[in-house]
Amino acid sequence: MTVLDPALEAELSESIQLLANWGFGFTRQKIRELGGNFVQEKEPEIFNGGCPGEDWMHDFEARHPNLSHRKPEKLKKTRVKAITNKGIFEDFLKLFRQVCEANGILNDSSSIFNVDETG
């Protein structure tokens, strides 16, 4: 049993999978933090301290065996070369457009932020 509404938990799972498809890796701790941040606006009182505990994480993994956690690693030169491929970049832009359209922000530049490593 989950403390989250099943639809909300499914949305969280799909979001994690989407981010993984875009190349983001998650540790168990990062998934817990993401889970806390994800529900903050929708159900802010669900988790004590705002972040789900280890028991929730264990149960979440059991309910979503399609997800796995791995320690993020540095990209090898061959992978860097592959992700700088024009076709892959175009695929990213296509996915980005789909996400923007699905969330109604495609023509709302005030809802899109450019964030990089420098902060």
C-alpha atoms as a PDB file:
ATOM      1  CA  MET A   1       0.000   0.000   0.000  1.00  0.00           C
ATOM      2  CA  THR A   2       1.228   3.500  -0.778  1.00  0.00           C
ATOM      3  CA  VAL A   3       0.685   6.742   1.099  1.00  0.00           C
ATOM      4  CA  LEU A   4       0.372   8.477  -2.258  1.00  0.00           C
ATOM      5  CA  ASP A   5      -2.656   8.446  -4.473  1.00  0.00           C
ATOM      6  CA  PRO A   6      -1.966   5.677  -7.053  1.00  0.00           C
ATOM      7  CA  ALA A   7      -2.331   8.147  -9.945  1.00  0.00           C
ATOM      8  CA  LEU A   8       0.193  10.513  -8.342  1.00  0.00           C
ATOM      9  CA  GLU A   9       2.623   7.673  -7.709  1.00  0.00           C
ATOM     10  CA  ALA A  10       2.246   6.517 -11.330  1.00  0.00           C
ATOM     11  CA  GLU A  11       3.002  10.074 -12.464  1.00  0.00           C
ATOM     12  CA  LEU A  12       6.123  10.109 -10.276  1.00  0.00           C
ATOM     13  CA  SER A  13       7.251   6.765 -11.698  1.00  0.00           C
ATOM     14  CA  GLU A  14       6.698   7.974 -15.270  1.00  0.00           C
ATOM     15  CA  SER A  15       8.615  11.184 -14.539  1.00  0.00           C
ATOM     16  CA  ILE A  16      11.581   9.235 -13.161  1.00  0.00           C
ATOM     17  CA  GLN A  17      11.525   7.002 -16.231  1.00  0.00           C
ATOM     18  CA  LEU A  18      11.379  10.010 -18.566  1.00  0.00           C
ATOM     19  CA  LEU A  19      14.317  11.670 -16.831  1.00  0.00           C
ATOM     20  CA  ALA A  20      16.242   8.384 -16.996  1.00  0.00           C
ATOM     21  CA  ASN A  21      15.552   8.221 -20.734  1.00  0.00           C
ATOM     22  CA  TRP A  22      17.049  11.693 -20.999  1.00  0.00           C
ATOM     23  CA  GLY A  23      20.221  10.446 -19.311  1.00  0.00           C
ATOM     24  CA  PHE A  24      19.677  11.371 -15.667  1.00  0.00           C
ATOM     25  CA  GLY A  25      20.714   8.675 -13.204  1.00  0.00           C
ATOM     26  CA  PHE A  26      19.255   8.466  -9.704  1.00  0.00           C
ATOM     27  CA  THR A  27      20.509   7.069  -6.425  1.00  0.00           C
ATOM     28  CA  ARG A  28      18.021   5.866  -3.820  1.00  0.00           C
ATOM     29  CA  GLN A  29      18.460   9.135  -1.939  1.00  0.00           C
ATOM     30  CA  LYS A  30      17.855  11.211  -5.065  1.00  0.00           C
ATOM     31  CA  ILE A  31      14.653   9.264  -5.821  1.00  0.00           C
ATOM     32  CA  ARG A  32      13.453   9.910  -2.256  1.00  0.00           C
ATOM     33  CA  GLU A  33      14.238  13.632  -2.609  1.00  0.00           C
ATOM     34  CA  LEU A  34      12.534  13.734  -5.996  1.00  0.00           C
ATOM     35  CA  GLY A  35       9.504  11.993  -4.488  1.00  0.00           C
ATOM     36  CA  GLY A  36       9.317  14.585  -1.719  1.00  0.00           C
ATOM     37  CA  ASN A  37       9.695  17.482  -4.148  1.00  0.00           C
ATOM     38  CA  PHE A  38       7.218  15.939  -6.561  1.00  0.00           C
ATOM     39  CA  VAL A  39       4.370  15.791  -4.072  1.00  0.00           C
ATOM     40  CA  GLN A  40       5.199  19.031  -2.234  1.00  0.00           C
ATOM     41  CA  GLU A  41       2.690  21.128  -4.180  1.00  0.00           C
ATOM     42  CA  LYS A  42       0.025  18.445  -4.505  1.00  0.00           C
ATOM     43  CA  GLU A  43       0.037  16.798  -1.068  1.00  0.00           C
ATOM     44  CA  PRO A  44       2.529  18.699   1.143  1.00  0.00           C
ATOM     45  CA  GLU A  45       1.717  16.891   4.402  1.00  0.00           C
ATOM     46  CA  ILE A  46       2.249  13.335   3.097  1.00  0.00           C
ATOM     47  CA  PHE A  47       5.856  12.843   4.251  1.00  0.00           C
ATOM     48  CA  ASN A  48       7.244  13.860   7.639  1.00  0.00           C
ATOM     49  CA  GLY A  49      10.021  16.350   6.990  1.00  0.00           C
ATOM     50  CA  GLY A  50       9.007  16.563   3.335  1.00  0.00           C
ATOM     51  CA  CYS A  51      10.999  13.512   2.236  1.00  0.00           C
ATOM     52  CA  PRO A  52       9.871   9.883   2.098  1.00  0.00           C
ATOM     53  CA  GLY A  53      11.719   7.408   4.296  1.00  0.00           C
ATOM     54  CA  GLU A  54      13.572   4.196   3.540  1.00  0.00           C
ATOM     55  CA  ASP A  55      10.433   2.090   4.080  1.00  0.00           C
ATOM     56  CA  TRP A  56       8.580   4.088   1.434  1.00  0.00           C
ATOM     57  CA  MET A  57      11.543   3.750  -0.936  1.00  0.00           C
ATOM     58  CA  HIS A  58      11.649  -0.015  -0.461  1.00  0.00           C
ATOM     59  CA  ASP A  59       7.909  -0.322  -1.113  1.00  0.00           C
ATOM     60  CA  PHE A  60       8.084   2.080  -4.080  1.00  0.00           C
ATOM     61  CA  GLU A  61      10.782  -0.092  -5.687  1.00  0.00           C
ATOM     62  CA  ALA A  62       8.646  -3.177  -5.146  1.00  0.00           C
ATOM     63  CA  ARG A  63       5.634  -1.496  -6.769  1.00  0.00           C
ATOM     64  CA  HIS A  64       7.716  -0.239  -9.724  1.00  0.00           C
ATOM     65  CA  PRO A  65      10.171  -2.992 -10.716  1.00  0.00           C
ATOM     66  CA  ASN A  66      10.695  -1.281 -14.086  1.00  0.00           C
ATOM     67  CA  LEU A  67      12.748   1.372 -12.252  1.00  0.00           C
ATOM     68  CA  SER A  68      16.219   0.717 -10.962  1.00  0.00           C
ATOM     69  CA  HIS A  69      18.682   2.921  -9.130  1.00  0.00           C
ATOM     70  CA  ARG A  70      22.294   3.281 -10.086  1.00  0.00           C
ATOM     71  CA  LYS A  71      25.110   5.492  -8.977  1.00  0.00           C
ATOM     72  CA  PRO A  72      25.658   8.162 -11.641  1.00  0.00           C
ATOM     73  CA  GLU A  73      28.920   7.683 -13.517  1.00  0.00           C
ATOM     74  CA  LYS A  74      31.023   9.939 -15.692  1.00  0.00           C
ATOM     75  CA  LEU A  75      30.227   9.578 -19.360  1.00  0.00           C
ATOM     76  CA  LYS A  76      32.773   7.742 -21.459  1.00  0.00           C
ATOM     77  CA  LYS A  77      34.082   9.531 -24.545  1.00  0.00           C
ATOM     78  CA  THR A  78      32.062   7.240 -26.818  1.00  0.00           C
ATOM     79  CA  ARG A  79      28.822   8.154 -25.032  1.00  0.00           C
ATOM     80  CA  VAL A  80      29.656  11.867 -25.119  1.00  0.00           C
ATOM     81  CA  LYS A  81      30.234  11.543 -28.841  1.00  0.00           C
ATOM     82  CA  ALA A  82      26.919   9.696 -29.239  1.00  0.00           C
ATOM     83  CA  ILE A  83      24.874  12.274 -27.341  1.00  0.00           C
ATOM     84  CA  THR A  84      26.338  15.109 -29.372  1.00  0.00           C
ATOM     85  CA  ASN A  85      25.019  13.377 -32.490  1.00  0.00           C
ATOM     86  CA  LYS A  86      22.597  15.636 -34.393  1.00  0.00           C
ATOM     87  CA  GLY A  87      19.892  12.935 -34.547  1.00  0.00           C
ATOM     88  CA  ILE A  88      19.966  12.413 -30.798  1.00  0.00           C
ATOM     89  CA  PHE A  89      19.781  16.155 -30.201  1.00  0.00           C
ATOM     90  CA  GLU A  90      16.802  16.370 -32.535  1.00  0.00           C
ATOM     91  CA  ASP A  91      15.148  13.516 -30.602  1.00  0.00           C
ATOM     92  CA  PHE A  92      15.681  15.481 -27.389  1.00  0.00           C
ATOM     93  CA  LEU A  93      14.093  18.580 -28.905  1.00  0.00           C
ATOM     94  CA  LYS A  94      11.141  16.496 -30.090  1.00  0.00           C
ATOM     95  CA  LEU A  95      10.639  15.091 -26.564  1.00  0.00           C
ATOM     96  CA  PHE A  96      11.053  18.549 -25.064  1.00  0.00           C
ATOM     97  CA  ARG A  97       8.375  19.905 -27.406  1.00  0.00           C
ATOM     98  CA  GLN A  98       6.021  17.048 -26.456  1.00  0.00           C
ATOM     99  CA  VAL A  99       6.495  17.754 -22.730  1.00  0.00           C
ATOM    100  CA  CYS A 100       5.927  21.486 -23.263  1.00  0.00           C
ATOM    101  CA  GLU A 101       2.794  20.813 -25.303  1.00  0.00           C
ATOM    102  CA  ALA A 102       1.480  18.316 -22.741  1.00  0.00           C
ATOM    103  CA  ASN A 103       1.918  20.890 -19.970  1.00  0.00           C
ATOM    104  CA  GLY A 104       0.565  23.837 -21.954  1.00  0.00           C
ATOM    105  CA  ILE A 105       3.786  25.851 -21.815  1.00  0.00           C
ATOM    106  CA  LEU A 106       4.963  25.633 -25.418  1.00  0.00           C
ATOM    107  CA  ASN A 107       4.079  29.263 -26.147  1.00  0.00           C
ATOM    108  CA  ASP A 108       4.665  30.548 -22.619  1.00  0.00           C
ATOM    109  CA  SER A 109       8.344  31.476 -22.406  1.00  0.00           C
ATOM    110  CA  SER A 110       7.904  32.716 -18.827  1.00  0.00           C
ATOM    111  CA  SER A 111       7.480  29.060 -17.750  1.00  0.00           C
ATOM    112  CA  ILE A 112      10.740  27.831 -19.316  1.00  0.00           C
ATOM    113  CA  PHE A 113      14.027  28.392 -17.514  1.00  0.00           C
ATOM    114  CA  ASN A 114      17.580  27.807 -18.700  1.00  0.00           C
ATOM    115  CA  VAL A 115      19.652  26.357 -15.869  1.00  0.00           C
ATOM    116  CA  ASP A 116      23.253  25.249 -16.144  1.00  0.00           C
ATOM    117  CA  GLU A 117      26.027  24.049 -13.861  1.00  0.00           C
ATOM    118  CA  THR A 118      27.092  27.552 -12.865  1.00  0.00           C
ATOM    119  CA  GLY A 119      23.809  28.236 -11.072  1.00  0.00           C
END
